[in-house]
């Protein structure tokens, strides 16, 4: 059975309908690209969270 990637339009062989559905019917190249972008976004959010946390944990004492 053939599938068509909704992102790039490439046709590919569907090895497992369940796996293809779980991948959002994307071809392997688009799936890999999507995961890479998600990973970069996750890292960016983690850095932002750590920066906010370090600022929130600083206590300034004044006289």
N, C-alpha and C. Protein backbone atom coordinates (compact mmCIF):
# COMPACT_ATOMS: atom_id res chain seq x y z
N UNK A 1 0.85 -1.17 0.00
CA UNK A 1 0.00 0.00 0.00
C UNK A 1 0.90 1.24 0.00
N UNK A 2 0.47 2.27 -0.70
CA UNK A 2 1.22 3.52 -0.81
C UNK A 2 0.56 4.59 0.05
N UNK A 3 1.40 5.45 0.58
CA UNK A 3 0.92 6.61 1.31
C UNK A 3 1.51 7.85 0.68
N UNK A 4 0.94 9.00 0.99
CA UNK A 4 1.45 10.26 0.46
C UNK A 4 1.65 11.22 1.63
N UNK A 5 2.86 11.73 1.73
CA UNK A 5 3.20 12.64 2.82
C UNK A 5 2.41 13.95 2.67
N UNK A 6 1.69 14.36 3.71
CA UNK A 6 0.91 15.60 3.62
C UNK A 6 1.80 16.84 3.63
N UNK A 7 3.04 16.70 4.04
CA UNK A 7 3.94 17.84 4.13
C UNK A 7 4.67 18.12 2.82
N UNK A 8 5.26 17.06 2.22
CA UNK A 8 6.07 17.27 1.02
C UNK A 8 5.46 16.64 -0.22
N UNK A 9 4.45 15.79 -0.06
CA UNK A 9 3.78 15.18 -1.19
C UNK A 9 4.45 13.93 -1.73
N UNK A 10 5.53 13.49 -1.11
CA UNK A 10 6.23 12.30 -1.58
C UNK A 10 5.40 11.05 -1.30
N UNK A 11 5.38 10.14 -2.27
CA UNK A 11 4.71 8.86 -2.06
C UNK A 11 5.69 7.88 -1.44
N UNK A 12 5.21 7.05 -0.54
CA UNK A 12 6.06 6.07 0.12
C UNK A 12 5.27 4.81 0.39
N UNK A 13 5.99 3.71 0.59
CA UNK A 13 5.35 2.44 0.90
C UNK A 13 4.98 2.41 2.37
N UNK A 14 3.75 2.05 2.66
CA UNK A 14 3.29 1.94 4.04
C UNK A 14 3.60 0.53 4.52
N UNK A 15 4.52 0.45 5.47
CA UNK A 15 4.88 -0.85 6.04
C UNK A 15 3.90 -1.24 7.13
N UNK A 16 3.45 -0.27 7.91
CA UNK A 16 2.52 -0.51 9.00
C UNK A 16 1.56 0.67 9.06
N UNK A 17 0.28 0.40 8.90
CA UNK A 17 -0.70 1.47 8.95
C UNK A 17 -0.72 2.15 10.31
N UNK A 18 -0.57 1.38 11.37
CA UNK A 18 -0.56 1.95 12.73
C UNK A 18 0.64 2.87 12.91
N UNK A 19 1.81 2.45 12.43
CA UNK A 19 3.00 3.29 12.56
C UNK A 19 2.86 4.56 11.73
N UNK A 20 2.35 4.43 10.52
CA UNK A 20 2.16 5.60 9.67
C UNK A 20 1.17 6.58 10.30
N UNK A 21 0.12 6.05 10.88
CA UNK A 21 -0.87 6.92 11.53
C UNK A 21 -0.24 7.62 12.74
N UNK A 22 0.57 6.91 13.50
CA UNK A 22 1.24 7.49 14.66
C UNK A 22 2.21 8.59 14.24
N UNK A 23 2.80 8.45 13.06
CA UNK A 23 3.74 9.45 12.55
C UNK A 23 3.01 10.58 11.82
N UNK A 24 1.70 10.58 11.85
CA UNK A 24 0.93 11.62 11.19
C UNK A 24 0.98 11.50 9.68
N UNK A 25 1.25 10.30 9.18
CA UNK A 25 1.33 9.99 7.75
C UNK A 25 2.46 10.73 7.05
N UNK A 26 3.45 11.22 7.81
CA UNK A 26 4.61 11.89 7.22
C UNK A 26 5.60 10.87 6.69
N UNK A 27 6.34 11.24 5.64
CA UNK A 27 7.41 10.36 5.16
C UNK A 27 8.55 10.40 6.18
N UNK A 28 9.50 9.51 6.05
CA UNK A 28 10.60 9.42 7.03
C UNK A 28 11.41 10.70 7.11
N UNK A 29 11.66 11.35 5.97
CA UNK A 29 12.46 12.59 5.97
C UNK A 29 11.74 13.71 6.72
N UNK A 30 10.45 13.87 6.47
CA UNK A 30 9.68 14.92 7.15
C UNK A 30 9.53 14.60 8.64
N UNK A 31 9.37 13.32 8.98
CA UNK A 31 9.25 12.91 10.38
C UNK A 31 10.54 13.24 11.12
N UNK A 32 11.68 12.94 10.50
CA UNK A 32 12.98 13.21 11.11
C UNK A 32 13.17 14.71 11.29
N UNK A 33 12.81 15.50 10.27
CA UNK A 33 12.93 16.95 10.34
C UNK A 33 12.04 17.51 11.45
N UNK A 34 10.83 16.98 11.56
CA UNK A 34 9.89 17.42 12.60
C UNK A 34 10.45 17.13 13.99
N UNK A 35 11.00 15.93 14.17
CA UNK A 35 11.56 15.57 15.46
C UNK A 35 12.76 16.44 15.82
N UNK A 36 13.59 16.76 14.82
CA UNK A 36 14.75 17.62 15.07
C UNK A 36 14.31 19.00 15.51
N UNK A 37 13.30 19.56 14.84
CA UNK A 37 12.79 20.88 15.22
C UNK A 37 12.18 20.84 16.61
N UNK A 38 11.42 19.79 16.92
CA UNK A 38 10.83 19.66 18.25
C UNK A 38 11.91 19.57 19.32
N UNK A 39 12.99 18.84 19.03
CA UNK A 39 14.08 18.70 19.98
C UNK A 39 14.74 20.05 20.24
N UNK A 40 14.96 20.83 19.19
CA UNK A 40 15.55 22.16 19.36
C UNK A 40 14.64 23.07 20.16
N UNK A 41 13.33 23.00 19.92
CA UNK A 41 12.37 23.81 20.67
C UNK A 41 12.35 23.39 22.14
N UNK A 42 12.43 22.09 22.40
CA UNK A 42 12.47 21.59 23.78
C UNK A 42 13.71 22.11 24.50
N UNK A 43 14.85 22.09 23.84
CA UNK A 43 16.09 22.59 24.44
C UNK A 43 15.99 24.08 24.72
N UNK A 44 15.40 24.83 23.79
CA UNK A 44 15.24 26.27 23.98
C UNK A 44 14.34 26.56 25.18
N UNK A 45 13.22 25.82 25.30
CA UNK A 45 12.32 26.01 26.45
C UNK A 45 13.02 25.67 27.76
N UNK A 46 13.85 24.62 27.75
CA UNK A 46 14.57 24.22 28.96
C UNK A 46 15.55 25.32 29.40
N UNK A 47 16.26 25.92 28.44
CA UNK A 47 17.19 27.01 28.76
C UNK A 47 16.41 28.20 29.31
N UNK A 48 15.29 28.54 28.69
CA UNK A 48 14.47 29.65 29.18
C UNK A 48 13.96 29.38 30.58
N UNK A 49 13.54 28.15 30.84
CA UNK A 49 13.04 27.78 32.17
C UNK A 49 14.14 27.92 33.20
N UNK A 50 15.35 27.46 32.87
CA UNK A 50 16.47 27.57 33.81
C UNK A 50 16.83 29.02 34.07
N UNK A 51 16.78 29.86 33.02
CA UNK A 51 17.08 31.28 33.20
C UNK A 51 16.06 31.93 34.13
N UNK A 52 14.78 31.63 33.91
CA UNK A 52 13.73 32.19 34.79
C UNK A 52 13.91 31.70 36.21
N UNK A 53 14.24 30.43 36.36
CA UNK A 53 14.41 29.83 37.67
C UNK A 53 15.57 30.49 38.41
N UNK A 54 16.67 30.74 37.71
CA UNK A 54 17.83 31.33 38.38
C UNK A 54 17.53 32.76 38.80
N UNK A 55 16.74 33.49 38.02
CA UNK A 55 16.36 34.86 38.38
C UNK A 55 15.39 34.84 39.54
N UNK A 56 14.43 33.93 39.53
CA UNK A 56 13.43 33.84 40.59
C UNK A 56 14.04 33.45 41.93
N UNK A 57 15.14 32.71 41.92
CA UNK A 57 15.73 32.22 43.15
C UNK A 57 16.72 33.19 43.78
N UNK A 58 17.00 34.30 43.12
CA UNK A 58 17.92 35.29 43.69
C UNK A 58 17.16 36.18 44.67
N UNK A 59 17.73 36.35 45.83
CA UNK A 59 17.12 37.20 46.85
C UNK A 59 18.03 38.40 47.05
N UNK A 60 17.45 39.57 47.00
CA UNK A 60 18.22 40.79 47.17
C UNK A 60 17.88 41.37 48.54
N UNK A 61 18.91 41.53 49.37
CA UNK A 61 18.72 42.11 50.69
C UNK A 61 19.08 43.59 50.63
N UNK A 62 18.21 44.41 51.16
CA UNK A 62 18.49 45.85 51.20
C UNK A 62 18.34 46.33 52.63
N UNK A 63 19.00 47.40 52.93
CA UNK A 63 18.92 47.98 54.29
C UNK A 63 17.83 48.99 54.38
